[in-house]
Amino acid sequence: MTLKIAVPNKGRLNERAVELLQSSGLDLGEGWGRRLYVTVQNQDIEVIFVRAQDIPEFVAGGSIDMGITGQDQVAESGQEVECLMGLDFGHCRLCVAVPETSGIKDVGELKAGCRVATSFPNLTKRFFESKKKKVEVVNVSGAAEIMPYLGVSDIIVDLVSSGSTLKTNRLTVIEDIMESQAVIVCNKRAIKTKKDAVNGIVDSVRSVIVAENKTYLMADVPKRKLTKIQELFPGVAGPTVMNIAGNDDMVAMHVVIDKKDVYDSVNTLKKMGAKGILTLPIDRLVP
């Protein structure tokens, strides 16, 4: 059975979502960016490009098996989908923001009937209901930041990443509603009926994400320093050590290290008498 995967057709999640699938080994072929769906080369998999906000509904309804979208979109939709893993990109917060000149410091200071512009009406209503605050939700499709200036609303609820857009529009955050990142979601039926295919995608994507933070390190090291080097470079399950033909004093060591440790690791090995030090990128790493 064909596994159908949805990714955002544009916006902040599109590029990275496609990159992860391609790096996982899914060949989308040429010209995929101009098509609404593509069949993956040599696999019984289809990738469908749709709006990020539609993905939870399509997945929950079963027309698509799994998809990549934001946690904010899943929460806003209210659809029942299984979140299989976070993807560590698309990080942002859904926040309540007010004009800097308002003097408002927290939600408790908002007046009854306050107008709130947002493209997340469901989350906004639930949030203010939990705070026992009566507000008027003004549903907008985008650019909520300009609404207080235009007089359309008094405050806004919107996604915030760096906060620079809010600052430009002289708005300030008074409370966070939720944190969000990109996630893989799936419907319960597909988890049962297409278990192997679903797990294959999740495991492949996870291996790419893990590998992006790792580096493969190779070096010829003095045999007398091997015990100390094994302590310093434990790797995934210990370093691989091999004899070097014609050289009884040195051994070849191969090990996986964190990218952030490359500088210190290379310098440490040099001080210990290592030669032929080489680092290589890793495409995928399955622990």
C-alpha atoms as a PDB file:
ATOM      1  CA  MET A   1       0.000   0.000   0.000  1.00  0.00           C
ATOM      2  CA  THR A   2       1.260   3.444  -0.923  1.00  0.00           C
ATOM      3  CA  LEU A   3       2.379   5.583   2.002  1.00  0.00           C
ATOM      4  CA  LYS A   4       1.258   9.199   1.580  1.00  0.00           C
ATOM      5  CA  ILE A   5       3.304  11.907   3.309  1.00  0.00           C
ATOM      6  CA  ALA A   6       2.288  15.573   3.439  1.00  0.00           C
ATOM      7  CA  VAL A   7       4.756  18.453   3.733  1.00  0.00           C
ATOM      8  CA  PRO A   8       4.055  22.194   3.803  1.00  0.00           C
ATOM      9  CA  ASN A   9       3.904  23.617   0.273  1.00  0.00           C
ATOM     10  CA  LYS A  10       5.466  26.915   1.391  1.00  0.00           C
ATOM     11  CA  GLY A  11       6.339  28.937   4.450  1.00  0.00           C
ATOM     12  CA  ARG A  12       8.819  28.564   7.269  1.00  0.00           C
ATOM     13  CA  LEU A  13       8.648  24.744   7.418  1.00  0.00           C
ATOM     14  CA  ASN A  14       8.767  23.877   3.714  1.00  0.00           C
ATOM     15  CA  GLU A  15      12.477  23.918   2.865  1.00  0.00           C
ATOM     16  CA  ARG A  16      13.726  22.033   5.903  1.00  0.00           C
ATOM     17  CA  ALA A  17      10.941  19.414   5.694  1.00  0.00           C
ATOM     18  CA  VAL A  18      11.848  18.585   2.091  1.00  0.00           C
ATOM     19  CA  GLU A  19      15.557  18.590   2.943  1.00  0.00           C
ATOM     20  CA  LEU A  20      15.022  16.009   5.685  1.00  0.00           C
ATOM     21  CA  LEU A  21      13.070  13.686   3.401  1.00  0.00           C
ATOM     22  CA  GLN A  22      15.639  13.937   0.630  1.00  0.00           C
ATOM     23  CA  SER A  23      18.542  13.433   3.030  1.00  0.00           C
ATOM     24  CA  SER A  24      16.705  10.364   4.333  1.00  0.00           C
ATOM     25  CA  GLY A  25      17.049   8.823   0.892  1.00  0.00           C
ATOM     26  CA  LEU A  26      13.711   9.735  -0.696  1.00  0.00           C
ATOM     27  CA  ASP A  27      14.341  10.701  -4.329  1.00  0.00           C
ATOM     28  CA  LEU A  28      11.702  13.236  -5.324  1.00  0.00           C
ATOM     29  CA  GLY A  29      13.032  13.501  -8.867  1.00  0.00           C
ATOM     30  CA  GLU A  30      13.480  16.674 -10.895  1.00  0.00           C
ATOM     31  CA  GLY A  31      10.977  19.502 -10.852  1.00  0.00           C
ATOM     32  CA  TRP A  32       9.283  18.433  -7.629  1.00  0.00           C
ATOM     33  CA  GLY A  33       8.997  22.083  -6.561  1.00  0.00           C
ATOM     34  CA  ARG A  34       6.499  22.780  -9.363  1.00  0.00           C
ATOM     35  CA  ARG A  35       4.204  19.856  -8.584  1.00  0.00           C
ATOM     36  CA  LEU A  36       1.461  19.276  -6.017  1.00  0.00           C
ATOM     37  CA  TYR A  37       2.536  15.692  -5.424  1.00  0.00           C
ATOM     38  CA  VAL A  38       5.363  13.387  -6.486  1.00  0.00           C
ATOM     39  CA  THR A  39       5.951   9.654  -6.430  1.00  0.00           C
ATOM     40  CA  VAL A  40       9.243   8.795  -4.746  1.00  0.00           C
ATOM     41  CA  GLN A  41      11.630   7.018  -7.083  1.00  0.00           C
ATOM     42  CA  ASN A  42      11.837   3.243  -6.426  1.00  0.00           C
ATOM     43  CA  GLN A  43       9.585   3.450  -3.362  1.00  0.00           C
ATOM     44  CA  ASP A  44       5.848   2.974  -2.808  1.00  0.00           C
ATOM     45  CA  ILE A  45       5.657   6.466  -1.299  1.00  0.00           C
ATOM     46  CA  GLU A  46       3.964   9.690  -2.385  1.00  0.00           C
ATOM     47  CA  VAL A  47       4.861  13.156  -1.090  1.00  0.00           C
ATOM     48  CA  ILE A  48       1.992  15.675  -1.237  1.00  0.00           C
ATOM     49  CA  PHE A  49       2.499  19.440  -0.918  1.00  0.00           C
ATOM     50  CA  VAL A  50      -0.324  21.170   0.952  1.00  0.00           C
ATOM     51  CA  ARG A  51      -0.804  24.043   3.405  1.00  0.00           C
ATOM     52  CA  ALA A  52       0.740  23.414   6.822  1.00  0.00           C
ATOM     53  CA  GLN A  53      -2.547  24.256   8.549  1.00  0.00           C
ATOM     54  CA  ASP A  54      -4.417  21.624   6.491  1.00  0.00           C
ATOM     55  CA  ILE A  55      -2.066  18.749   7.291  1.00  0.00           C
ATOM     56  CA  PRO A  56      -3.526  17.790  10.728  1.00  0.00           C
ATOM     57  CA  GLU A  57      -7.048  17.543   9.257  1.00  0.00           C
ATOM     58  CA  PHE A  58      -5.926  15.541   6.213  1.00  0.00           C
ATOM     59  CA  VAL A  59      -3.904  13.158   8.384  1.00  0.00           C
ATOM     60  CA  ALA A  60      -6.680  12.712  10.959  1.00  0.00           C
ATOM     61  CA  GLY A  61      -9.207  12.092   8.185  1.00  0.00           C
ATOM     62  CA  GLY A  62      -7.055   9.407   6.592  1.00  0.00           C
ATOM     63  CA  SER A  63      -6.648  10.964   3.136  1.00  0.00           C
ATOM     64  CA  ILE A  64      -2.945  11.306   4.033  1.00  0.00           C
ATOM     65  CA  ASP A  65      -1.078   8.833   6.255  1.00  0.00           C
ATOM     66  CA  MET A  66       1.480  11.097   7.876  1.00  0.00           C
ATOM     67  CA  GLY A  67       2.848  14.603   7.577  1.00  0.00           C
ATOM     68  CA  ILE A  68       5.250  17.268   8.763  1.00  0.00           C
ATOM     69  CA  THR A  69       3.719  20.381  10.286  1.00  0.00           C
ATOM     70  CA  GLY A  70       3.985  22.623  13.352  1.00  0.00           C
ATOM     71  CA  GLN A  71       2.777  21.723  16.826  1.00  0.00           C
ATOM     72  CA  ASP A  72       0.876  25.015  16.743  1.00  0.00           C
ATOM     73  CA  GLN A  73      -1.112  23.841  13.710  1.00  0.00           C
ATOM     74  CA  VAL A  74      -1.893  20.511  15.370  1.00  0.00           C
ATOM     75  CA  ALA A  75      -3.105  22.231  18.543  1.00  0.00           C
ATOM     76  CA  GLU A  76      -5.153  24.801  16.611  1.00  0.00           C
ATOM     77  CA  SER A  77      -6.866  22.120  14.519  1.00  0.00           C
ATOM     78  CA  GLY A  78      -7.962  20.045  17.509  1.00  0.00           C
ATOM     79  CA  GLN A  79      -7.598  16.938  15.339  1.00  0.00           C
ATOM     80  CA  GLU A  80      -6.652  13.576  16.835  1.00  0.00           C
ATOM     81  CA  VAL A  81      -3.297  12.624  15.368  1.00  0.00           C
ATOM     82  CA  GLU A  82      -0.282  10.823  16.786  1.00  0.00           C
ATOM     83  CA  CYS A  83       2.856  12.924  17.181  1.00  0.00           C
ATOM     84  CA  LEU A  84       5.715  10.550  16.339  1.00  0.00           C
ATOM     85  CA  MET A  85       8.704  12.844  16.852  1.00  0.00           C
ATOM     86  CA  GLY A  86       9.853  16.439  17.144  1.00  0.00           C
ATOM     87  CA  LEU A  87      12.152  17.608  14.379  1.00  0.00           C
ATOM     88  CA  ASP A  88      14.071  20.351  16.202  1.00  0.00           C
ATOM     89  CA  PHE A  89      13.357  23.113  13.691  1.00  0.00           C
ATOM     90  CA  GLY A  90      10.654  25.702  13.211  1.00  0.00           C
ATOM     91  CA  HIS A  91      10.939  26.671  16.861  1.00  0.00           C
ATOM     92  CA  CYS A  92       8.606  29.481  17.899  1.00  0.00           C
ATOM     93  CA  ARG A  93       6.112  30.550  20.563  1.00  0.00           C
ATOM     94  CA  LEU A  94       2.457  31.475  20.300  1.00  0.00           C
ATOM     95  CA  CYS A  95       2.226  34.660  22.342  1.00  0.00           C
ATOM     96  CA  VAL A  96      -0.119  37.392  23.491  1.00  0.00           C
ATOM     97  CA  ALA A  97       1.358  40.750  22.468  1.00  0.00           C
ATOM     98  CA  VAL A  98       0.195  44.298  23.200  1.00  0.00           C
ATOM     99  CA  PRO A  99       1.244  47.756  21.958  1.00  0.00           C
ATOM    100  CA  GLU A 100       4.268  49.056  23.867  1.00  0.00           C
ATOM    101  CA  THR A 101       2.351  52.252  24.680  1.00  0.00           C
ATOM    102  CA  SER A 102      -0.528  50.341  26.323  1.00  0.00           C
ATOM    103  CA  GLY A 103       1.303  49.916  29.616  1.00  0.00           C
ATOM    104  CA  ILE A 104      -0.241  46.445  29.992  1.00  0.00           C
ATOM    105  CA  LYS A 105       2.076  43.986  31.731  1.00  0.00           C
ATOM    106  CA  ASP A 106      -0.028  40.821  31.984  1.00  0.00           C
ATOM    107  CA  VAL A 107      -3.260  39.263  30.749  1.00  0.00           C
ATOM    108  CA  GLY A 108      -5.034  40.097  33.986  1.00  0.00           C
ATOM    109  CA  GLU A 109      -4.921  43.800  33.104  1.00  0.00           C
ATOM    110  CA  LEU A 110      -6.846  43.380  29.839  1.00  0.00           C
ATOM    111  CA  LYS A 111     -10.298  44.926  29.734  1.00  0.00           C
ATOM    112  CA  ALA A 112     -13.405  42.828  29.085  1.00  0.00           C
ATOM    113  CA  GLY A 113     -14.321  42.840  25.399  1.00  0.00           C
ATOM    114  CA  CYS A 114     -10.733  43.419  24.315  1.00  0.00           C
ATOM    115  CA  ARG A 115     -10.318  42.731  20.578  1.00  0.00           C
ATOM    116  CA  VAL A 116      -7.674  40.114  19.739  1.00  0.00           C
ATOM    117  CA  ALA A 117      -6.415  39.693  16.158  1.00  0.00           C
ATOM    118  CA  THR A 118      -5.041  36.232  15.377  1.00  0.00           C
ATOM    119  CA  SER A 119      -4.823  33.459  12.816  1.00  0.00           C
ATOM    120  CA  PHE A 120      -5.171  30.969  15.697  1.00  0.00           C
ATOM    121  CA  PRO A 121      -8.777  31.580  16.806  1.00  0.00           C
ATOM    122  CA  ASN A 122      -9.308  28.227  18.506  1.00  0.00           C
ATOM    123  CA  LEU A 123      -6.158  28.367  20.618  1.00  0.00           C
ATOM    124  CA  THR A 124      -6.854  32.004  21.412  1.00  0.00           C
ATOM    125  CA  LYS A 125     -10.419  31.323  22.590  1.00  0.00           C
ATOM    126  CA  ARG A 126      -9.334  28.399  24.738  1.00  0.00           C
ATOM    127  CA  PHE A 127      -6.518  30.413  26.277  1.00  0.00           C
ATOM    128  CA  PHE A 128      -8.646  33.388  27.279  1.00  0.00           C
ATOM    129  CA  GLU A 129     -11.434  31.102  28.508  1.00  0.00           C
ATOM    130  CA  SER A 130      -8.886  29.428  30.788  1.00  0.00           C
ATOM    131  CA  LYS A 131      -7.996  32.894  32.082  1.00  0.00           C
ATOM    132  CA  LYS A 132     -11.716  33.733  32.503  1.00  0.00           C
ATOM    133  CA  LYS A 133     -11.260  36.742  30.238  1.00  0.00           C
ATOM    134  CA  LYS A 134     -14.009  37.767  27.815  1.00  0.00           C
ATOM    135  CA  VAL A 135     -12.455  38.916  24.542  1.00  0.00           C
ATOM    136  CA  GLU A 136     -13.557  39.421  20.959  1.00  0.00           C
ATOM    137  CA  VAL A 137     -11.471  37.269  18.630  1.00  0.00           C
ATOM    138  CA  VAL A 138     -10.796  38.849  15.222  1.00  0.00           C
ATOM    139  CA  ASN A 139      -9.745  36.112  12.795  1.00  0.00           C
ATOM    140  CA  VAL A 140      -7.100  37.280  10.302  1.00  0.00           C
ATOM    141  CA  SER A 141      -5.169  35.243   7.732  1.00  0.00           C
ATOM    142  CA  GLY A 142      -1.846  36.949   8.331  1.00  0.00           C
ATOM    143  CA  ALA A 143       0.035  40.107   9.341  1.00  0.00           C
ATOM    144  CA  ALA A 144      -1.627  40.260  12.745  1.00  0.00           C
ATOM    145  CA  GLU A 145       1.083  42.684  13.890  1.00  0.00           C
ATOM    146  CA  ILE A 146      -0.406  45.570  11.917  1.00  0.00           C
ATOM    147  CA  MET A 147      -3.936  45.164  13.273  1.00  0.00           C
ATOM    148  CA  PRO A 148      -3.565  47.301  16.446  1.00  0.00           C
ATOM    149  CA  TYR A 149      -2.090  50.115  14.345  1.00  0.00           C
ATOM    150  CA  LEU A 150      -5.026  49.910  11.933  1.00  0.00           C
ATOM    151  CA  GLY A 151      -7.495  49.901  14.801  1.00  0.00           C
ATOM    152  CA  VAL A 152      -8.786  46.457  13.858  1.00  0.00           C
ATOM    153  CA  SER A 153      -7.788  45.037  17.245  1.00  0.00           C
ATOM    154  CA  ASP A 154      -6.424  46.085  20.619  1.00  0.00           C
ATOM    155  CA  ILE A 155      -3.905  43.259  20.962  1.00  0.00           C
ATOM    156  CA  ILE A 156      -2.756  40.197  19.000  1.00  0.00           C
ATOM    157  CA  VAL A 157      -1.983  36.515  19.457  1.00  0.00           C
ATOM    158  CA  ASP A 158       0.708  35.415  17.022  1.00  0.00           C
ATOM    159  CA  LEU A 159       3.772  33.238  16.504  1.00  0.00           C
ATOM    160  CA  VAL A 160       7.051  34.712  17.698  1.00  0.00           C
ATOM    161  CA  SER A 161      10.537  33.441  16.927  1.00  0.00           C
ATOM    162  CA  SER A 162      13.161  36.170  17.274  1.00  0.00           C
ATOM    163  CA  GLY A 163      10.701  38.889  18.245  1.00  0.00           C
ATOM    164  CA  SER A 164      12.112  41.352  15.704  1.00  0.00           C
ATOM    165  CA  THR A 165       8.801  41.720  13.834  1.00  0.00           C
ATOM    166  CA  LEU A 166       6.985  42.580  17.052  1.00  0.00           C
ATOM    167  CA  LYS A 167       9.638  45.133  17.951  1.00  0.00           C
ATOM    168  CA  THR A 168       9.408  46.720  14.507  1.00  0.00           C
ATOM    169  CA  ASN A 169       5.668  47.128  15.000  1.00  0.00           C
ATOM    170  CA  ARG A 170       6.101  48.394  18.576  1.00  0.00           C
ATOM    171  CA  LEU A 171       4.494  45.403  20.223  1.00  0.00           C
ATOM    172  CA  THR A 172       5.638  43.517  23.297  1.00  0.00           C
ATOM    173  CA  VAL A 173       4.874  40.004  24.578  1.00  0.00           C
ATOM    174  CA  ILE A 174       2.988  39.753  27.875  1.00  0.00           C
ATOM    175  CA  GLU A 175       2.391  35.979  27.977  1.00  0.00           C
ATOM    176  CA  ASP A 176       3.233  32.774  26.111  1.00  0.00           C
ATOM    177  CA  ILE A 177       0.412  30.425  25.166  1.00  0.00           C
ATOM    178  CA  MET A 178       2.524  27.521  23.878  1.00  0.00           C
ATOM    179  CA  GLU A 179       5.877  26.573  22.395  1.00  0.00           C
ATOM    180  CA  SER A 180       6.026  24.955  18.981  1.00  0.00           C
ATOM    181  CA  GLN A 181       8.359  23.129  16.632  1.00  0.00           C
ATOM    182  CA  ALA A 182       7.978  21.004  13.520  1.00  0.00           C
ATOM    183  CA  VAL A 183       6.727  17.473  14.193  1.00  0.00           C
ATOM    184  CA  ILE A 184       5.908  14.288  12.304  1.00  0.00           C
ATOM    185  CA  VAL A 185       2.264  13.329  12.796  1.00  0.00           C
ATOM    186  CA  CYS A 186       0.427  10.206  11.719  1.00  0.00           C
ATOM    187  CA  ASN A 187      -3.091   8.802  11.906  1.00  0.00           C
ATOM    188  CA  LYS A 188      -3.764   5.778  14.086  1.00  0.00           C
ATOM    189  CA  ARG A 189      -4.910   3.611  11.209  1.00  0.00           C
ATOM    190  CA  ALA A 190      -1.668   4.081   9.255  1.00  0.00           C
ATOM    191  CA  ILE A 191       0.379   3.254  12.355  1.00  0.00           C
ATOM    192  CA  LYS A 192      -1.319  -0.146  12.403  1.00  0.00           C
ATOM    193  CA  THR A 193      -1.760  -0.943   8.701  1.00  0.00           C
ATOM    194  CA  LYS A 194       1.482   0.614   7.396  1.00  0.00           C
ATOM    195  CA  LYS A 195       3.634   0.171  10.472  1.00  0.00           C
ATOM    196  CA  ASP A 196       6.866  -0.786   8.698  1.00  0.00           C
ATOM    197  CA  ALA A 197       6.631   2.054   6.181  1.00  0.00           C
ATOM    198  CA  VAL A 198       5.797   4.633   8.867  1.00  0.00           C
ATOM    199  CA  ASN A 199       8.617   3.464  11.135  1.00  0.00           C
ATOM    200  CA  GLY A 200      10.982   3.467   8.170  1.00  0.00           C
ATOM    201  CA  ILE A 201      10.335   7.172   7.535  1.00  0.00           C
ATOM    202  CA  VAL A 202      10.617   8.123  11.216  1.00  0.00           C
ATOM    203  CA  ASP A 203      13.830   6.141  11.741  1.00  0.00           C
ATOM    204  CA  SER A 204      15.388   7.527   8.561  1.00  0.00           C
ATOM    205  CA  VAL A 205      14.597  11.132   9.455  1.00  0.00           C
ATOM    206  CA  ARG A 206      15.878  10.595  12.988  1.00  0.00           C
ATOM    207  CA  SER A 207      19.155   9.175  11.651  1.00  0.00           C
ATOM    208  CA  VAL A 208      19.656  12.288   9.507  1.00  0.00           C
ATOM    209  CA  ILE A 209      19.043  14.648  12.425  1.00  0.00           C
ATOM    210  CA  VAL A 210      21.418  12.690  14.669  1.00  0.00           C
ATOM    211  CA  ALA A 211      24.113  12.628  11.968  1.00  0.00           C
ATOM    212  CA  GLU A 212      23.971  16.381  11.400  1.00  0.00           C
ATOM    213  CA  ASN A 213      25.463  16.946  14.838  1.00  0.00           C
ATOM    214  CA  LYS A 214      28.194  14.325  14.460  1.00  0.00           C
ATOM    215  CA  THR A 215      31.536  13.994  12.658  1.00  0.00           C
ATOM    216  CA  TYR A 216      33.548  10.914  11.702  1.00  0.00           C
ATOM    217  CA  LEU A 217      37.102  11.203  13.009  1.00  0.00           C
ATOM    218  CA  MET A 218      40.014   9.069  11.821  1.00  0.00           C
ATOM    219  CA  ALA A 219      43.611   9.192  13.000  1.00  0.00           C
ATOM    220  CA  ASP A 220      46.755   7.087  13.347  1.00  0.00           C
ATOM    221  CA  VAL A 221      47.592   7.137  17.038  1.00  0.00           C
ATOM    222  CA  PRO A 222      50.518   5.818  19.126  1.00  0.00           C
ATOM    223  CA  LYS A 223      49.697   2.363  20.479  1.00  0.00           C
ATOM    224  CA  ARG A 224      51.110   3.307  23.885  1.00  0.00           C
ATOM    225  CA  LYS A 225      48.456   6.055  24.174  1.00  0.00           C
ATOM    226  CA  LEU A 226      45.567   3.840  23.133  1.00  0.00           C
ATOM    227  CA  THR A 227      44.068   3.349  26.619  1.00  0.00           C
ATOM    228  CA  LYS A 228      43.974   7.099  27.240  1.00  0.00           C
ATOM    229  CA  ILE A 229      42.563   7.793  23.766  1.00  0.00           C
ATOM    230  CA  GLN A 230      39.785   5.243  24.306  1.00  0.00           C
ATOM    231  CA  GLU A 231      38.830   7.102  27.481  1.00  0.00           C
ATOM    232  CA  LEU A 232      38.727  10.453  25.680  1.00  0.00           C
ATOM    233  CA  PHE A 233      36.895   9.180  22.587  1.00  0.00           C
ATOM    234  CA  PRO A 234      34.184   6.693  23.620  1.00  0.00           C
ATOM    235  CA  GLY A 235      32.256   7.081  20.337  1.00  0.00           C
ATOM    236  CA  VAL A 236      28.873   5.422  19.860  1.00  0.00           C
ATOM    237  CA  ALA A 237      29.919   1.993  21.155  1.00  0.00           C
ATOM    238  CA  GLY A 238      33.647   2.588  21.540  1.00  0.00           C
ATOM    239  CA  PRO A 239      36.221   3.565  18.872  1.00  0.00           C
ATOM    240  CA  THR A 240      37.183   1.166  16.092  1.00  0.00           C
ATOM    241  CA  VAL A 241      40.894   0.320  16.368  1.00  0.00           C
ATOM    242  CA  MET A 242      42.870  -1.406  13.603  1.00  0.00           C
ATOM    243  CA  ASN A 243      46.495  -2.405  13.146  1.00  0.00           C
ATOM    244  CA  ILE A 244      48.556  -0.568  10.545  1.00  0.00           C
ATOM    245  CA  ALA A 245      50.540  -2.776   8.179  1.00  0.00           C
ATOM    246  CA  GLY A 246      54.271  -2.368   8.680  1.00  0.00           C
ATOM    247  CA  ASN A 247      53.956  -0.148  11.749  1.00  0.00           C
ATOM    248  CA  ASP A 248      53.804  -1.844  15.129  1.00  0.00           C
ATOM    249  CA  ASP A 249      53.946   1.410  17.088  1.00  0.00           C
ATOM    250  CA  MET A 250      50.780   2.987  15.647  1.00  0.00           C
ATOM    251  CA  VAL A 251      47.139   1.927  15.266  1.00  0.00           C
ATOM    252  CA  ALA A 252      44.327   3.422  13.209  1.00  0.00           C
ATOM    253  CA  MET A 253      41.391   4.767  15.200  1.00  0.00           C
ATOM    254  CA  HIS A 254      37.960   5.567  13.765  1.00  0.00           C
ATOM    255  CA  VAL A 255      35.337   7.182  15.992  1.00  0.00           C
ATOM    256  CA  VAL A 256      32.171   9.286  15.861  1.00  0.00           C
ATOM    257  CA  ILE A 257      32.329  12.559  17.820  1.00  0.00           C
ATOM    258  CA  ASP A 258      30.097  15.595  18.315  1.00  0.00           C
ATOM    259  CA  LYS A 259      30.690  18.372  15.783  1.00  0.00           C
ATOM    260  CA  LYS A 260      31.147  20.892  18.562  1.00  0.00           C
ATOM    261  CA  ASP A 261      34.122  18.868  19.836  1.00  0.00           C
ATOM    262  CA  VAL A 262      36.078  18.726  16.560  1.00  0.00           C
ATOM    263  CA  TYR A 263      38.456  21.603  17.339  1.00  0.00           C
ATOM    264  CA  ASP A 264      39.447  20.317  20.778  1.00  0.00           C
ATOM    265  CA  SER A 265      39.574  16.697  19.617  1.00  0.00           C
ATOM    266  CA  VAL A 266      41.992  17.367  16.770  1.00  0.00           C
ATOM    267  CA  ASN A 267      44.291  19.435  18.978  1.00  0.00           C
ATOM    268  CA  THR A 268      44.210  16.787  21.716  1.00  0.00           C
ATOM    269  CA  LEU A 269      45.178  14.053  19.253  1.00  0.00           C
ATOM    270  CA  LYS A 270      48.029  16.143  17.845  1.00  0.00           C
ATOM    271  CA  LYS A 271      49.442  16.653  21.340  1.00  0.00           C
ATOM    272  CA  MET A 272      49.284  12.885  21.903  1.00  0.00           C
ATOM    273  CA  GLY A 273      51.323  12.223  18.751  1.00  0.00           C
ATOM    274  CA  ALA A 274      48.532  11.307  16.348  1.00  0.00           C
ATOM    275  CA  LYS A 275      49.167  11.510  12.604  1.00  0.00           C
ATOM    276  CA  GLY A 276      46.968  11.618   9.500  1.00  0.00           C
ATOM    277  CA  ILE A 277      44.009  13.114  11.331  1.00  0.00           C
ATOM    278  CA  LEU A 278      40.925  13.273   9.125  1.00  0.00           C
ATOM    279  CA  THR A 279      37.328  14.362   9.744  1.00  0.00           C
ATOM    280  CA  LEU A 280      34.400  13.498   7.492  1.00  0.00           C
ATOM    281  CA  PRO A 281      30.699  14.477   7.464  1.00  0.00           C
ATOM    282  CA  ILE A 282      28.088  11.794   8.211  1.00  0.00           C
ATOM    283  CA  ASP A 283      24.934  11.538   6.105  1.00  0.00           C
ATOM    284  CA  ARG A 284      23.008   9.248   8.430  1.00  0.00           C
ATOM    285  CA  LEU A 285      23.671   7.689  11.810  1.00  0.00           C
ATOM    286  CA  VAL A 286      21.527   4.855  13.166  1.00  0.00           C
ATOM    287  CA  PRO A 287      22.429   4.378  16.848  1.00  0.00           C
END
